[in-house]
Amino acid sequence: MSNFGIDEMLEMQRELQEQYKDIWESISPETGKNKLLWMIGEIGEVIDIIKKNGDKAADDPETRPHLTEELADVLMYYNDVLLCFGITSDELKRAYTEKFHRNMSRWKK
């Protein structure tokens, strides 16, 4: 199975946005604020699953699919936010890589 990357997710979100452009809010920085709030709500649902199921949330065959679905919801809103602010996968990779290197040297032993 191949990796599932940001570019593929962004393209899928663009498709969804196009499909529902007459019903959903348009993609814009203003909408990005709302998408962030929706994403936080989805993160809350992930937290609820973990709170209710503890360590078994990832291992239980009945709980794991629900946990995975809620995490997918978080990623969908995350990608909507990237679209709303026009952030490309290249920009994200650059920022992520820079942050990674800063963090790697932040707490040296």
N, C-alpha and C. Protein backbone atom coordinates (compact mmCIF):
# COMPACT_ATOMS: atom_id res chain seq x y z
N MET A 1 0.84 -1.18 0.00
CA MET A 1 0.00 0.00 0.00
C MET A 1 0.89 1.24 0.00
N SER A 2 0.54 2.20 -0.81
CA SER A 2 1.35 3.42 -0.90
C SER A 2 1.01 4.38 0.23
N ASN A 3 1.89 5.34 0.44
CA ASN A 3 1.65 6.36 1.45
C ASN A 3 0.46 7.22 1.05
N PHE A 4 -0.23 7.71 2.04
CA PHE A 4 -1.37 8.60 1.84
C PHE A 4 -0.91 9.98 2.29
N GLY A 5 -0.61 10.86 1.33
CA GLY A 5 0.02 12.12 1.66
C GLY A 5 -0.90 13.33 1.60
N ILE A 6 -0.33 14.44 1.99
CA ILE A 6 -1.06 15.71 2.03
C ILE A 6 -1.60 16.09 0.65
N ASP A 7 -0.80 15.91 -0.40
CA ASP A 7 -1.28 16.28 -1.74
C ASP A 7 -2.56 15.53 -2.10
N GLU A 8 -2.59 14.23 -1.81
CA GLU A 8 -3.77 13.43 -2.11
C GLU A 8 -4.96 13.88 -1.27
N MET A 9 -4.72 14.15 0.01
CA MET A 9 -5.80 14.61 0.88
C MET A 9 -6.34 15.97 0.42
N LEU A 10 -5.42 16.87 0.06
CA LEU A 10 -5.86 18.19 -0.41
C LEU A 10 -6.71 18.07 -1.68
N GLU A 11 -6.30 17.20 -2.59
CA GLU A 11 -7.07 17.01 -3.82
C GLU A 11 -8.46 16.46 -3.51
N MET A 12 -8.54 15.53 -2.58
CA MET A 12 -9.85 14.97 -2.20
C MET A 12 -10.73 16.06 -1.57
N GLN A 13 -10.12 16.92 -0.75
CA GLN A 13 -10.89 18.01 -0.14
C GLN A 13 -11.36 19.01 -1.20
N ARG A 14 -10.51 19.28 -2.19
CA ARG A 14 -10.93 20.16 -3.29
C ARG A 14 -12.15 19.58 -4.00
N GLU A 15 -12.12 18.27 -4.22
CA GLU A 15 -13.25 17.59 -4.86
C GLU A 15 -14.52 17.75 -4.03
N LEU A 16 -14.40 17.52 -2.73
CA LEU A 16 -15.56 17.70 -1.84
C LEU A 16 -16.07 19.13 -1.88
N GLN A 17 -15.16 20.08 -1.82
CA GLN A 17 -15.55 21.49 -1.85
C GLN A 17 -16.28 21.82 -3.15
N GLU A 18 -15.79 21.29 -4.25
CA GLU A 18 -16.43 21.53 -5.55
C GLU A 18 -17.82 20.88 -5.59
N GLN A 19 -17.90 19.66 -5.09
CA GLN A 19 -19.17 18.92 -5.08
C GLN A 19 -20.26 19.67 -4.31
N TYR A 20 -19.88 20.31 -3.20
CA TYR A 20 -20.86 20.94 -2.32
C TYR A 20 -20.73 22.46 -2.27
N LYS A 21 -20.17 23.05 -3.32
CA LYS A 21 -19.92 24.50 -3.33
C LYS A 21 -21.20 25.32 -3.18
N ASP A 22 -22.34 24.76 -3.58
CA ASP A 22 -23.59 25.50 -3.46
C ASP A 22 -24.20 25.41 -2.06
N ILE A 23 -23.70 24.51 -1.23
CA ILE A 23 -24.27 24.35 0.12
C ILE A 23 -23.27 24.72 1.22
N TRP A 24 -22.00 24.44 0.99
CA TRP A 24 -20.98 24.71 2.01
C TRP A 24 -20.44 26.13 1.87
N GLU A 25 -19.81 26.61 2.93
CA GLU A 25 -19.14 27.90 2.89
C GLU A 25 -18.02 27.84 1.85
N SER A 26 -17.77 28.96 1.20
CA SER A 26 -16.68 29.00 0.21
C SER A 26 -15.34 28.93 0.92
N ILE A 27 -14.33 28.55 0.18
CA ILE A 27 -12.98 28.46 0.72
C ILE A 27 -12.38 29.86 0.79
N SER A 28 -12.09 30.30 2.00
CA SER A 28 -11.51 31.63 2.21
C SER A 28 -10.91 31.67 3.62
N PRO A 29 -10.04 32.65 3.88
CA PRO A 29 -9.49 32.75 5.24
C PRO A 29 -10.58 32.89 6.31
N GLU A 30 -11.63 33.61 6.02
CA GLU A 30 -12.73 33.75 6.99
C GLU A 30 -13.34 32.39 7.32
N THR A 31 -13.54 31.58 6.29
CA THR A 31 -14.08 30.23 6.48
C THR A 31 -13.08 29.37 7.25
N GLY A 32 -11.79 29.64 7.05
CA GLY A 32 -10.76 28.88 7.76
C GLY A 32 -10.93 28.93 9.26
N LYS A 33 -11.38 30.07 9.78
CA LYS A 33 -11.63 30.19 11.22
C LYS A 33 -12.71 29.19 11.65
N ASN A 34 -13.78 29.12 10.86
CA ASN A 34 -14.87 28.20 11.18
C ASN A 34 -14.41 26.75 11.08
N LYS A 35 -13.61 26.45 10.06
CA LYS A 35 -13.11 25.08 9.88
C LYS A 35 -12.24 24.67 11.07
N LEU A 36 -11.46 25.62 11.60
CA LEU A 36 -10.66 25.32 12.79
C LEU A 36 -11.55 24.96 13.98
N LEU A 37 -12.64 25.69 14.14
CA LEU A 37 -13.56 25.38 15.23
C LEU A 37 -14.20 24.00 15.06
N TRP A 38 -14.58 23.67 13.83
CA TRP A 38 -15.14 22.34 13.56
C TRP A 38 -14.10 21.27 13.84
N MET A 39 -12.85 21.54 13.47
CA MET A 39 -11.77 20.58 13.70
C MET A 39 -11.59 20.35 15.20
N ILE A 40 -11.66 21.40 15.98
CA ILE A 40 -11.54 21.26 17.44
C ILE A 40 -12.66 20.38 17.98
N GLY A 41 -13.86 20.53 17.42
CA GLY A 41 -14.98 19.67 17.82
C GLY A 41 -14.68 18.20 17.53
N GLU A 42 -14.09 17.94 16.37
CA GLU A 42 -13.74 16.57 16.01
C GLU A 42 -12.64 16.03 16.92
N ILE A 43 -11.68 16.89 17.28
CA ILE A 43 -10.64 16.48 18.22
C ILE A 43 -11.28 16.10 19.55
N GLY A 44 -12.31 16.85 19.96
CA GLY A 44 -13.05 16.52 21.18
C GLY A 44 -13.68 15.13 21.10
N GLU A 45 -14.17 14.75 19.92
CA GLU A 45 -14.75 13.42 19.75
C GLU A 45 -13.68 12.34 19.88
N VAL A 46 -12.49 12.61 19.36
CA VAL A 46 -11.38 11.66 19.52
C VAL A 46 -11.04 11.52 21.01
N ILE A 47 -10.97 12.64 21.70
CA ILE A 47 -10.66 12.62 23.13
C ILE A 47 -11.71 11.84 23.90
N ASP A 48 -12.99 12.02 23.54
CA ASP A 48 -14.06 11.27 24.22
C ASP A 48 -13.89 9.77 24.06
N ILE A 49 -13.54 9.34 22.86
CA ILE A 49 -13.33 7.90 22.62
C ILE A 49 -12.20 7.39 23.50
N ILE A 50 -11.12 8.15 23.57
CA ILE A 50 -9.98 7.72 24.37
C ILE A 50 -10.33 7.75 25.86
N LYS A 51 -11.06 8.80 26.30
CA LYS A 51 -11.46 8.87 27.72
C LYS A 51 -12.35 7.68 28.09
N LYS A 52 -13.28 7.34 27.23
CA LYS A 52 -14.23 6.26 27.52
C LYS A 52 -13.60 4.88 27.44
N ASN A 53 -12.58 4.73 26.59
CA ASN A 53 -12.02 3.41 26.32
C ASN A 53 -10.60 3.22 26.79
N GLY A 54 -9.96 4.28 27.25
CA GLY A 54 -8.60 4.17 27.76
C GLY A 54 -7.63 3.56 26.77
N ASP A 55 -6.74 2.74 27.30
CA ASP A 55 -5.70 2.13 26.48
C ASP A 55 -6.24 1.22 25.38
N LYS A 56 -7.43 0.67 25.58
CA LYS A 56 -7.96 -0.26 24.59
C LYS A 56 -8.56 0.44 23.37
N ALA A 57 -8.61 1.77 23.36
CA ALA A 57 -9.22 2.50 22.24
C ALA A 57 -8.59 2.13 20.91
N ALA A 58 -7.29 1.91 20.89
CA ALA A 58 -6.60 1.58 19.63
C ALA A 58 -6.60 0.09 19.35
N ASP A 59 -6.83 -0.73 20.36
CA ASP A 59 -6.73 -2.17 20.19
C ASP A 59 -8.06 -2.89 20.05
N ASP A 60 -9.11 -2.33 20.60
CA ASP A 60 -10.43 -2.97 20.57
C ASP A 60 -10.99 -2.95 19.15
N PRO A 61 -11.36 -4.12 18.59
CA PRO A 61 -11.82 -4.18 17.20
C PRO A 61 -13.12 -3.40 16.95
N GLU A 62 -13.89 -3.13 17.98
CA GLU A 62 -15.11 -2.33 17.80
C GLU A 62 -14.83 -0.83 17.93
N THR A 63 -13.87 -0.47 18.77
CA THR A 63 -13.57 0.94 19.02
C THR A 63 -12.62 1.52 17.98
N ARG A 64 -11.64 0.74 17.55
CA ARG A 64 -10.62 1.24 16.63
C ARG A 64 -11.19 1.87 15.36
N PRO A 65 -12.16 1.25 14.69
CA PRO A 65 -12.71 1.90 13.49
C PRO A 65 -13.36 3.26 13.78
N HIS A 66 -14.01 3.37 14.92
CA HIS A 66 -14.62 4.65 15.30
C HIS A 66 -13.55 5.70 15.57
N LEU A 67 -12.50 5.30 16.28
CA LEU A 67 -11.37 6.20 16.55
C LEU A 67 -10.74 6.66 15.24
N THR A 68 -10.51 5.72 14.34
CA THR A 68 -9.90 6.03 13.05
C THR A 68 -10.78 6.98 12.24
N GLU A 69 -12.09 6.74 12.26
CA GLU A 69 -13.02 7.61 11.52
C GLU A 69 -12.98 9.03 12.07
N GLU A 70 -12.96 9.18 13.37
CA GLU A 70 -12.92 10.52 13.96
C GLU A 70 -11.60 11.22 13.66
N LEU A 71 -10.50 10.46 13.65
CA LEU A 71 -9.22 11.05 13.27
C LEU A 71 -9.24 11.47 11.80
N ALA A 72 -9.93 10.71 10.95
CA ALA A 72 -10.08 11.11 9.55
C ALA A 72 -10.86 12.41 9.45
N ASP A 73 -11.89 12.57 10.29
CA ASP A 73 -12.64 13.83 10.31
C ASP A 73 -11.73 15.00 10.67
N VAL A 74 -10.86 14.80 11.66
CA VAL A 74 -9.90 15.84 12.05
C VAL A 74 -9.03 16.21 10.85
N LEU A 75 -8.52 15.20 10.16
CA LEU A 75 -7.66 15.46 9.00
C LEU A 75 -8.42 16.17 7.87
N MET A 76 -9.69 15.83 7.69
CA MET A 76 -10.47 16.50 6.64
C MET A 76 -10.60 17.99 6.93
N TYR A 77 -10.91 18.34 8.17
CA TYR A 77 -10.99 19.75 8.52
C TYR A 77 -9.63 20.42 8.45
N TYR A 78 -8.59 19.70 8.87
CA TYR A 78 -7.22 20.23 8.80
C TYR A 78 -6.88 20.60 7.35
N ASN A 79 -7.20 19.70 6.43
CA ASN A 79 -6.93 19.97 5.02
C ASN A 79 -7.81 21.09 4.49
N ASP A 80 -9.03 21.20 4.96
CA ASP A 80 -9.87 22.34 4.59
C ASP A 80 -9.22 23.65 5.05
N VAL A 81 -8.65 23.65 6.25
CA VAL A 81 -7.97 24.85 6.76
C VAL A 81 -6.79 25.20 5.85
N LEU A 82 -6.01 24.20 5.45
CA LEU A 82 -4.90 24.46 4.53
C LEU A 82 -5.42 25.09 3.24
N LEU A 83 -6.52 24.56 2.71
CA LEU A 83 -7.10 25.13 1.49
C LEU A 83 -7.59 26.56 1.71
N CYS A 84 -8.23 26.79 2.84
CA CYS A 84 -8.78 28.12 3.13
C CYS A 84 -7.69 29.19 3.19
N PHE A 85 -6.53 28.81 3.69
CA PHE A 85 -5.44 29.77 3.81
C PHE A 85 -4.43 29.64 2.66
N GLY A 86 -4.73 28.77 1.70
CA GLY A 86 -3.87 28.62 0.53
C GLY A 86 -2.49 28.08 0.84
N ILE A 87 -2.38 27.25 1.86
CA ILE A 87 -1.10 26.67 2.24
C ILE A 87 -0.86 25.41 1.43
N THR A 88 0.26 25.36 0.73
CA THR A 88 0.57 24.21 -0.12
C THR A 88 1.30 23.13 0.67
N SER A 89 1.34 21.96 0.09
CA SER A 89 2.07 20.87 0.74
C SER A 89 3.56 21.19 0.82
N ASP A 90 4.09 21.90 -0.17
CA ASP A 90 5.51 22.29 -0.12
C ASP A 90 5.78 23.25 1.04
N GLU A 91 4.90 24.22 1.24
CA GLU A 91 5.06 25.15 2.37
C GLU A 91 4.98 24.41 3.69
N LEU A 92 4.01 23.50 3.77
CA LEU A 92 3.83 22.74 5.00
C LEU A 92 5.06 21.87 5.28
N LYS A 93 5.58 21.22 4.24
CA LYS A 93 6.78 20.38 4.41
C LYS A 93 7.96 21.21 4.89
N ARG A 94 8.13 22.38 4.29
CA ARG A 94 9.25 23.25 4.68
C ARG A 94 9.10 23.67 6.14
N ALA A 95 7.91 24.13 6.53
CA ALA A 95 7.70 24.57 7.91
C ALA A 95 7.85 23.41 8.90
N TYR A 96 7.30 22.26 8.53
CA TYR A 96 7.37 21.08 9.40
C TYR A 96 8.82 20.65 9.59
N THR A 97 9.57 20.62 8.51
CA THR A 97 10.98 20.22 8.56
C THR A 97 11.80 21.19 9.41
N GLU A 98 11.57 22.49 9.22
CA GLU A 98 12.29 23.49 10.02
C GLU A 98 11.95 23.33 11.50
N LYS A 99 10.68 23.14 11.81
CA LYS A 99 10.25 22.97 13.19
C LYS A 99 10.84 21.70 13.79
N PHE A 100 10.87 20.63 13.01
CA PHE A 100 11.47 19.38 13.45
C PHE A 100 12.92 19.59 13.86
N HIS A 101 13.69 20.26 13.01
CA HIS A 101 15.11 20.48 13.31
C HIS A 101 15.29 21.37 14.54
N ARG A 102 14.45 22.39 14.69
CA ARG A 102 14.53 23.23 15.90
C ARG A 102 14.23 22.39 17.14
N ASN A 103 13.21 21.55 17.05
CA ASN A 103 12.86 20.71 18.21
C ASN A 103 13.93 19.68 18.51
N MET A 104 14.59 19.16 17.49
CA MET A 104 15.64 18.18 17.70
C MET A 104 16.82 18.76 18.47
N SER A 105 17.04 20.05 18.35
CA SER A 105 18.17 20.65 19.06
C SER A 105 17.74 21.45 20.29
N ARG A 106 16.47 21.51 20.54
CA ARG A 106 15.95 22.32 21.65
C ARG A 106 16.33 21.77 23.02
N TRP A 107 16.17 20.52 23.23
CA TRP A 107 16.40 19.93 24.56
C TRP A 107 17.55 18.94 24.48
N LYS A 108 18.70 19.42 24.15
CA LYS A 108 19.86 18.53 24.05
C LYS A 108 20.23 17.98 25.41
N LYS A 109 20.66 16.74 25.40
CA LYS A 109 21.04 16.07 26.65
C LYS A 109 22.41 16.47 27.08
